[in-house]
Amino acid sequence: MIWAAILSSGLATYLTRSLPFVVGYRGRVPPALSRYLEALPVAIIAALVGPAVVLPAGATTHGAEPVAALVTVGIVVWRRSLLAGVAAGVATVAVVRLVL
């Protein structure tokens, strides 16, 4: 039973990733759709990271994670660099955990 779940999950993942290459859009993409597709990866990351920041162990936290998230967002907005924001967030978590 576990192998059936693993194989079907792998097949579903493969199909969802390869389908856009097989069924390509041949015309121009409307500007609204283009903006949506450009923002989608950031929205997915935020949806995955958000609960881990607010409820990392299933309970609200007042530790390093919310502080680092605010620093990360601030640096990204200020510098327009996701790499700088992530680096600042990691450094903030390290410093706050060291202090607490």
Protein backbone atom coordinates (compact mmCIF):
# COMPACT_ATOMS: atom_id res chain seq x y z
CA MET A 1 0.00 0.00 0.00
CA ILE A 2 2.83 2.41 0.83
CA TRP A 3 4.43 1.81 -2.58
CA ALA A 4 1.19 2.68 -4.34
CA ALA A 5 1.07 5.97 -2.43
CA ILE A 6 4.71 6.74 -3.23
CA LEU A 7 4.31 5.93 -6.93
CA SER A 8 1.06 7.85 -7.31
CA SER A 9 2.54 10.87 -5.51
CA GLY A 10 5.59 10.75 -7.78
CA LEU A 11 3.40 10.48 -10.87
CA ALA A 12 1.22 13.39 -9.75
CA THR A 13 4.30 15.52 -9.07
CA TYR A 14 5.84 14.63 -12.42
CA LEU A 15 2.65 15.43 -14.32
CA THR A 16 2.09 18.78 -12.64
CA ARG A 17 5.67 19.84 -13.33
CA SER A 18 5.91 18.59 -16.90
CA LEU A 19 2.42 19.51 -18.13
CA PRO A 20 3.26 23.20 -18.77
CA PHE A 21 6.09 22.12 -21.09
CA VAL A 22 3.81 19.84 -23.07
CA VAL A 23 0.85 22.19 -23.26
CA GLY A 24 2.53 25.50 -24.05
CA TYR A 25 0.71 28.75 -24.56
CA ARG A 26 1.44 29.91 -28.10
CA GLY A 27 -0.07 33.41 -27.92
CA ARG A 28 0.66 36.49 -25.88
CA VAL A 29 0.00 36.26 -22.19
CA PRO A 30 -2.32 39.00 -20.88
CA PRO A 31 -0.52 41.47 -18.57
CA ALA A 32 -2.70 40.53 -15.57
CA LEU A 33 -1.86 36.83 -15.98
CA SER A 34 1.82 37.67 -16.38
CA ARG A 35 1.84 39.68 -13.11
CA TYR A 36 0.01 36.84 -11.37
CA LEU A 37 2.49 34.23 -12.54
CA GLU A 38 5.44 36.39 -11.53
CA ALA A 39 4.07 36.83 -8.00
CA LEU A 40 3.05 33.20 -7.52
CA PRO A 41 6.40 31.81 -6.24
CA VAL A 42 6.63 34.51 -3.56
CA ALA A 43 3.03 33.84 -2.49
CA ILE A 44 3.69 30.11 -2.23
CA ILE A 45 6.80 30.66 -0.12
CA ALA A 46 4.89 33.05 2.15
CA ALA A 47 2.08 30.52 2.56
CA LEU A 48 4.56 27.83 3.53
CA VAL A 49 6.69 29.97 5.83
CA GLY A 50 3.90 31.96 7.50
CA PRO A 51 2.56 29.19 9.75
CA ALA A 52 6.11 28.17 10.71
CA VAL A 53 6.82 31.72 11.86
CA VAL A 54 3.62 32.23 13.84
CA LEU A 55 3.06 28.69 15.15
CA PRO A 56 6.39 26.82 14.85
CA ALA A 57 5.52 24.05 17.30
CA GLY A 58 1.75 24.36 17.20
CA ALA A 59 1.75 27.18 19.75
CA THR A 60 2.33 30.88 19.35
CA THR A 61 5.89 32.01 19.83
CA HIS A 62 7.45 35.17 21.10
CA GLY A 63 10.96 34.12 20.19
CA ALA A 64 13.33 34.63 17.31
CA GLU A 65 11.06 33.66 14.41
CA PRO A 66 8.66 36.64 14.35
CA VAL A 67 11.54 39.08 14.89
CA ALA A 68 13.51 37.50 12.04
CA ALA A 69 10.46 37.55 9.78
CA LEU A 70 9.99 41.28 10.36
CA VAL A 71 13.68 41.95 9.74
CA THR A 72 13.60 39.84 6.56
CA VAL A 73 10.56 41.63 5.17
CA GLY A 74 12.05 45.01 6.07
CA ILE A 75 15.37 44.28 4.37
CA VAL A 76 13.67 42.90 1.25
CA VAL A 77 11.44 45.96 0.96
CA TRP A 78 14.32 48.35 1.66
CA ARG A 79 17.06 46.74 -0.46
CA ARG A 80 14.88 44.96 -3.04
CA SER A 81 17.06 41.87 -2.57
CA LEU A 82 15.64 38.55 -1.45
CA LEU A 83 19.13 37.18 -0.78
CA ALA A 84 19.99 40.09 1.53
CA GLY A 85 16.69 39.63 3.35
CA VAL A 86 17.20 35.92 3.89
CA ALA A 87 20.77 36.49 5.09
CA ALA A 88 19.57 39.16 7.51
CA GLY A 89 16.78 36.87 8.74
CA VAL A 90 19.16 33.98 9.40
CA ALA A 91 21.56 36.29 11.22
CA THR A 92 18.69 37.71 13.27
CA VAL A 93 17.52 34.24 14.34
CA ALA A 94 21.07 33.35 15.36
CA VAL A 95 21.56 36.53 17.39
CA VAL A 96 18.16 36.45 19.08
CA ARG A 97 18.53 32.78 20.02
CA LEU A 98 22.00 33.50 21.38
CA VAL A 99 20.65 36.35 23.51
CA LEU A 100 17.57 34.50 24.75
